[in-house]
């Protein structure tokens, strides 16, 4: 019942694959964060225009129909 003292080669491959996936995800997260900063900067520079569909609508209680 003696087991080998070193982890199996398959286990090492599995751990390396997991580490690679984590690194890839971290890179994607960083890229999305950078895109978000750029996108937020563009939104601040160009404020949204008024929607013509809701132009003239007043929020709050509306007057009676009849």
C-alpha atoms as a PDB file:
ATOM      1  CA  UNK A   1       0.000   0.000   0.000  1.00  0.00           C
ATOM      2  CA  UNK A   2       2.915   2.290  -0.425  1.00  0.00           C
ATOM      3  CA  UNK A   3       2.093   5.314  -2.535  1.00  0.00           C
ATOM      4  CA  UNK A   4       4.505   7.323  -4.567  1.00  0.00           C
ATOM      5  CA  UNK A   5       5.818  10.398  -2.827  1.00  0.00           C
ATOM      6  CA  UNK A   6       5.588  12.576  -5.909  1.00  0.00           C
ATOM      7  CA  UNK A   7       2.289  13.716  -7.374  1.00  0.00           C
ATOM      8  CA  UNK A   8       1.364  12.084 -10.627  1.00  0.00           C
ATOM      9  CA  UNK A   9       2.190  13.674 -13.929  1.00  0.00           C
ATOM     10  CA  UNK A  10      -1.540  13.964 -14.718  1.00  0.00           C
ATOM     11  CA  UNK A  11      -2.080  15.938 -11.524  1.00  0.00           C
ATOM     12  CA  UNK A  12       0.729  18.326 -12.447  1.00  0.00           C
ATOM     13  CA  UNK A  13      -0.799  18.843 -15.902  1.00  0.00           C
ATOM     14  CA  UNK A  14      -4.203  19.463 -14.336  1.00  0.00           C
ATOM     15  CA  UNK A  15      -2.779  22.051 -11.928  1.00  0.00           C
ATOM     16  CA  UNK A  16      -0.870  23.783 -14.740  1.00  0.00           C
ATOM     17  CA  UNK A  17      -4.004  23.908 -16.905  1.00  0.00           C
ATOM     18  CA  UNK A  18      -5.974  25.408 -13.995  1.00  0.00           C
ATOM     19  CA  UNK A  19      -3.262  28.022 -13.425  1.00  0.00           C
ATOM     20  CA  UNK A  20      -3.254  28.928 -17.139  1.00  0.00           C
ATOM     21  CA  UNK A  21      -7.047  29.335 -17.132  1.00  0.00           C
ATOM     22  CA  UNK A  22      -6.883  31.589 -14.065  1.00  0.00           C
ATOM     23  CA  UNK A  23      -4.229  33.742 -15.732  1.00  0.00           C
ATOM     24  CA  UNK A  24      -6.285  33.992 -18.936  1.00  0.00           C
ATOM     25  CA  UNK A  25      -9.359  35.033 -16.947  1.00  0.00           C
ATOM     26  CA  UNK A  26      -7.338  37.662 -15.070  1.00  0.00           C
ATOM     27  CA  UNK A  27      -6.109  39.096 -18.391  1.00  0.00           C
ATOM     28  CA  UNK A  28      -9.672  39.194 -19.740  1.00  0.00           C
ATOM     29  CA  UNK A  29     -10.886  40.938 -16.563  1.00  0.00           C
ATOM     30  CA  UNK A  30      -8.156  43.562 -16.892  1.00  0.00           C
ATOM     31  CA  UNK A  31      -9.029  44.136 -20.554  1.00  0.00           C
ATOM     32  CA  UNK A  32     -12.736  44.517 -19.746  1.00  0.00           C
ATOM     33  CA  UNK A  33     -11.868  46.977 -16.994  1.00  0.00           C
ATOM     34  CA  UNK A  34      -9.803  49.052 -19.406  1.00  0.00           C
ATOM     35  CA  UNK A  35     -12.627  48.980 -21.980  1.00  0.00           C
ATOM     36  CA  UNK A  36     -15.092  50.073 -19.329  1.00  0.00           C
ATOM     37  CA  UNK A  37     -12.934  53.055 -18.381  1.00  0.00           C
ATOM     38  CA  UNK A  38     -12.697  54.104 -22.025  1.00  0.00           C
ATOM     39  CA  UNK A  39     -16.429  53.602 -22.564  1.00  0.00           C
ATOM     40  CA  UNK A  40     -17.325  55.559 -19.403  1.00  0.00           C
ATOM     41  CA  UNK A  41     -15.020  58.356 -20.522  1.00  0.00           C
ATOM     42  CA  UNK A  42     -16.795  58.544 -23.879  1.00  0.00           C
ATOM     43  CA  UNK A  43     -20.192  58.685 -22.197  1.00  0.00           C
ATOM     44  CA  UNK A  44     -19.095  61.598 -20.030  1.00  0.00           C
ATOM     45  CA  UNK A  45     -17.803  63.489 -23.066  1.00  0.00           C
ATOM     46  CA  UNK A  46     -20.964  62.857 -25.108  1.00  0.00           C
ATOM     47  CA  UNK A  47     -24.032  63.151 -22.874  1.00  0.00           C
ATOM     48  CA  UNK A  48     -27.034  61.148 -24.090  1.00  0.00           C
ATOM     49  CA  UNK A  49     -29.530  63.042 -26.242  1.00  0.00           C
ATOM     50  CA  UNK A  50     -33.200  63.346 -25.286  1.00  0.00           C
ATOM     51  CA  UNK A  51     -35.301  60.506 -26.592  1.00  0.00           C
ATOM     52  CA  UNK A  52     -37.886  61.865 -29.047  1.00  0.00           C
ATOM     53  CA  UNK A  53     -40.356  59.139 -28.044  1.00  0.00           C
ATOM     54  CA  UNK A  54     -40.633  60.413 -24.475  1.00  0.00           C
ATOM     55  CA  UNK A  55     -40.288  64.101 -25.224  1.00  0.00           C
ATOM     56  CA  UNK A  56     -43.053  66.100 -23.557  1.00  0.00           C
ATOM     57  CA  UNK A  57     -43.937  63.416 -21.002  1.00  0.00           C
ATOM     58  CA  UNK A  58     -44.025  64.792 -17.483  1.00  0.00           C
ATOM     59  CA  UNK A  59     -43.100  62.425 -14.637  1.00  0.00           C
ATOM     60  CA  UNK A  60     -45.435  62.137 -11.688  1.00  0.00           C
ATOM     61  CA  UNK A  61     -49.225  62.128 -11.421  1.00  0.00           C
ATOM     62  CA  UNK A  62     -50.968  62.727 -14.721  1.00  0.00           C
ATOM     63  CA  UNK A  63     -54.056  64.926 -15.196  1.00  0.00           C
ATOM     64  CA  UNK A  64     -57.389  63.115 -15.516  1.00  0.00           C
ATOM     65  CA  UNK A  65     -58.339  61.953 -19.023  1.00  0.00           C
ATOM     66  CA  UNK A  66     -61.856  63.392 -18.961  1.00  0.00           C
END
